[in-house]
Amino acid sequence: MLRLHWSTKKFNITQNILDELQQRIELVLTSKKDPRSSNELGQKEQKRLINLYKQGRAEEALTQANKLVVEYPRSIFLFNIIGVINRQLGQFNEAIKAFSKAIDINPKYETAYYNLGNCFKSKGMLSEAVESYKRELKINPDYKDTYNNLSIISKDIEFTKPSKSLQNIFFTLLD
């Protein structure tokens, strides 16, 4: 354990501040010593998972990702790829959980909002899809695929006798 020996009188620092500073320094030092203490896995492991997925070995990629998430429980990459694979496999509820976890970890992770919107759209949960796309657009207003998806959703709205929620979706799109 690293010990800091400073005179609190000379710098007018309280012991609590020194203790907090010491804890932060120790955290940084231990993070550098142990690469597994990082929030994200390395690029090599990320590429391996992506390659498995692209090769059509989605279930194998999912198994590997689920093992890695135990070591990297705050990896937005892992939760996002777990969501993407689950969506492809038709396991929408698992995909929604994974994308939601990525968003919990990093609320500014626009890709998770976009993917969550796609998942909701696939399940026919149009108002939830619109909400996810709106959040994604707040972070990245220039992402054209989101506008395309919103346009597709608006075509799915039946205008002969729309429900209140579908009316709200339509008016949200116009907003």
Protein backbone atom coordinates (compact mmCIF):
# COMPACT_ATOMS: atom_id res chain seq x y z
CA MET A 1 0.00 0.00 0.00
CA LEU A 2 1.27 3.42 -0.95
CA ARG A 3 1.51 5.86 1.93
CA LEU A 4 1.57 9.59 1.50
CA HIS A 5 3.53 11.53 4.07
CA TRP A 6 2.68 15.19 3.80
CA SER A 7 2.47 17.74 6.48
CA THR A 8 -1.15 18.74 6.76
CA LYS A 9 -0.17 21.93 8.54
CA LYS A 10 2.11 23.08 5.75
CA PHE A 11 -0.51 22.59 3.01
CA ASN A 12 -3.62 23.08 5.16
CA ILE A 13 -5.05 19.73 3.99
CA THR A 14 -7.37 17.68 6.13
CA GLN A 15 -6.71 14.01 6.77
CA ASN A 16 -9.91 13.08 4.92
CA ILE A 17 -8.67 14.77 1.75
CA LEU A 18 -5.33 12.99 2.08
CA ASP A 19 -7.04 9.63 2.56
CA GLU A 20 -9.24 10.19 -0.48
CA LEU A 21 -6.23 11.25 -2.57
CA GLN A 22 -4.34 8.15 -1.46
CA GLN A 23 -7.26 5.89 -2.44
CA ARG A 24 -7.45 7.47 -5.89
CA ILE A 25 -3.71 7.09 -6.45
CA GLU A 26 -3.85 3.44 -5.39
CA LEU A 27 -6.77 2.86 -7.73
CA VAL A 28 -4.84 4.32 -10.65
CA LEU A 29 -1.71 2.32 -9.81
CA THR A 30 -3.57 -0.97 -9.49
CA SER A 31 -5.49 -0.30 -12.71
CA LYS A 32 -2.22 0.05 -14.59
CA LYS A 33 -0.84 -3.14 -13.08
CA ASP A 34 -3.87 -5.29 -13.91
CA PRO A 35 -5.18 -4.89 -17.48
CA ARG A 36 -8.32 -6.89 -16.52
CA SER A 37 -9.36 -4.11 -14.13
CA SER A 38 -10.24 -1.94 -17.13
CA ASN A 39 -13.86 -1.38 -18.16
CA GLU A 40 -13.19 -2.55 -21.72
CA LEU A 41 -11.53 -5.60 -23.12
CA GLY A 42 -8.67 -5.21 -25.57
CA GLN A 43 -9.04 -4.63 -29.28
CA LYS A 44 -7.74 -8.11 -30.07
CA GLU A 45 -10.56 -9.71 -28.08
CA GLN A 46 -13.10 -7.31 -29.58
CA LYS A 47 -11.99 -8.19 -33.11
CA ARG A 48 -12.14 -11.90 -32.31
CA LEU A 49 -15.78 -11.58 -31.21
CA ILE A 50 -16.68 -9.47 -34.24
CA ASN A 51 -15.02 -11.98 -36.57
CA LEU A 52 -16.92 -14.88 -35.00
CA TYR A 53 -20.15 -12.97 -35.50
CA LYS A 54 -19.33 -12.04 -39.11
CA GLN A 55 -18.43 -15.67 -39.88
CA GLY A 56 -21.95 -16.70 -38.92
CA ARG A 57 -20.84 -18.22 -35.62
CA ALA A 58 -23.21 -16.07 -33.59
CA GLU A 59 -23.87 -18.59 -30.83
CA GLU A 60 -20.14 -19.14 -30.30
CA ALA A 61 -19.58 -15.37 -30.22
CA LEU A 62 -22.42 -15.04 -27.70
CA THR A 63 -20.95 -17.74 -25.47
CA GLN A 64 -17.54 -16.03 -25.53
CA ALA A 65 -19.06 -12.61 -24.87
CA ASN A 66 -21.07 -13.93 -21.92
CA LYS A 67 -17.88 -15.40 -20.43
CA LEU A 68 -15.95 -12.17 -20.95
CA VAL A 69 -18.68 -9.99 -19.40
CA VAL A 70 -17.92 -11.69 -16.07
CA GLU A 71 -14.37 -10.28 -16.28
CA TYR A 72 -15.50 -6.96 -17.78
CA PRO A 73 -18.86 -6.21 -16.13
CA ARG A 74 -18.82 -2.56 -17.26
CA SER A 75 -17.93 -3.14 -20.91
CA ILE A 76 -20.36 -1.30 -23.16
CA PHE A 77 -18.84 -3.11 -26.15
CA LEU A 78 -19.67 -6.52 -24.66
CA PHE A 79 -23.23 -5.60 -23.72
CA ASN A 80 -23.78 -4.09 -27.15
CA ILE A 81 -22.51 -7.16 -29.02
CA ILE A 82 -24.48 -9.46 -26.70
CA GLY A 83 -27.56 -7.43 -27.62
CA VAL A 84 -26.82 -7.51 -31.35
CA ILE A 85 -26.31 -11.28 -31.33
CA ASN A 86 -29.41 -11.93 -29.22
CA ARG A 87 -31.47 -9.78 -31.59
CA GLN A 88 -30.18 -11.73 -34.57
CA LEU A 89 -31.08 -14.98 -32.80
CA GLY A 90 -34.59 -13.67 -32.15
CA GLN A 91 -34.04 -13.40 -28.40
CA PHE A 92 -35.42 -9.88 -28.20
CA ASN A 93 -35.93 -9.70 -24.43
CA GLU A 94 -32.29 -10.68 -23.83
CA ALA A 95 -31.19 -8.13 -26.43
CA ILE A 96 -33.23 -5.39 -24.75
CA LYS A 97 -31.61 -6.22 -21.40
CA ALA A 98 -28.13 -6.08 -22.91
CA PHE A 99 -28.65 -2.77 -24.71
CA SER A 100 -30.25 -1.30 -21.58
CA LYS A 101 -27.23 -2.38 -19.52
CA ALA A 102 -24.88 -0.67 -22.00
CA ILE A 103 -26.97 2.50 -21.65
CA ASP A 104 -26.91 2.23 -17.85
CA ILE A 105 -23.11 2.08 -17.98
CA ASN A 106 -22.81 4.96 -20.44
CA PRO A 107 -25.98 7.01 -21.06
CA LYS A 108 -24.26 8.78 -23.96
CA TYR A 109 -23.55 5.56 -25.88
CA GLU A 110 -25.60 6.36 -28.98
CA THR A 111 -25.12 2.97 -30.65
CA ALA A 112 -26.97 1.22 -27.83
CA TYR A 113 -29.96 3.55 -28.22
CA TYR A 114 -30.03 2.90 -31.96
CA ASN A 115 -29.77 -0.88 -31.49
CA LEU A 116 -32.37 -0.80 -28.73
CA GLY A 117 -34.70 1.09 -31.07
CA ASN A 118 -34.14 -1.56 -33.76
CA CYS A 119 -34.95 -4.28 -31.26
CA PHE A 120 -38.16 -2.57 -30.15
CA LYS A 121 -39.09 -2.04 -33.81
CA SER A 122 -38.59 -5.77 -34.50
CA LYS A 123 -40.90 -6.59 -31.58
CA GLY A 124 -43.54 -4.17 -32.85
CA MET A 125 -43.04 -1.90 -29.85
CA LEU A 126 -43.17 1.24 -31.96
CA SER A 127 -43.52 3.90 -29.27
CA GLU A 128 -40.50 2.46 -27.40
CA ALA A 129 -38.55 2.35 -30.67
CA VAL A 130 -39.34 6.01 -31.34
CA GLU A 131 -38.19 6.96 -27.83
CA SER A 132 -34.89 5.11 -28.30
CA TYR A 133 -34.31 6.72 -31.68
CA LYS A 134 -35.09 10.16 -30.24
CA ARG A 135 -32.50 9.64 -27.50
CA GLU A 136 -29.96 8.51 -30.08
CA LEU A 137 -30.64 11.59 -32.19
CA LYS A 138 -30.12 13.87 -29.19
CA ILE A 139 -26.58 12.49 -28.99
CA ASN A 140 -25.94 12.25 -32.73
CA PRO A 141 -28.44 14.31 -34.74
CA ASP A 142 -26.66 13.51 -38.03
CA TYR A 143 -27.19 9.74 -38.08
CA LYS A 144 -29.29 9.22 -41.21
CA ASP A 145 -30.15 5.56 -40.48
CA THR A 146 -32.14 6.68 -37.46
CA TYR A 147 -34.21 9.02 -39.61
CA ASN A 148 -34.74 6.19 -42.10
CA ASN A 149 -35.97 3.91 -39.30
CA LEU A 150 -38.32 6.60 -38.01
CA SER A 151 -39.66 6.97 -41.55
CA ILE A 152 -40.27 3.21 -41.77
CA ILE A 153 -42.09 3.25 -38.44
CA SER A 154 -44.34 6.07 -39.66
CA LYS A 155 -45.33 3.84 -42.63
CA ASP A 156 -46.36 1.10 -40.18
CA ILE A 157 -48.93 3.38 -38.58
CA GLU A 158 -52.41 2.67 -39.88
CA PHE A 159 -54.25 5.91 -40.33
CA THR A 160 -57.75 4.53 -40.80
CA LYS A 161 -58.36 4.27 -37.05
CA PRO A 162 -55.10 4.83 -35.20
CA SER A 163 -54.84 4.22 -31.50
CA LYS A 164 -53.86 7.07 -29.19
CA SER A 165 -50.31 5.69 -28.83
CA LEU A 166 -49.87 5.50 -32.61
CA GLN A 167 -51.14 9.04 -32.95
CA ASN A 168 -48.56 10.11 -30.37
CA ILE A 169 -45.82 8.35 -32.35
CA PHE A 170 -46.86 10.13 -35.52
CA PHE A 171 -46.92 13.52 -33.85
CA THR A 172 -43.56 12.76 -32.24
CA LEU A 173 -42.12 12.11 -35.70
CA LEU A 174 -43.38 15.49 -36.85
CA ASP A 175 -41.98 17.23 -33.79
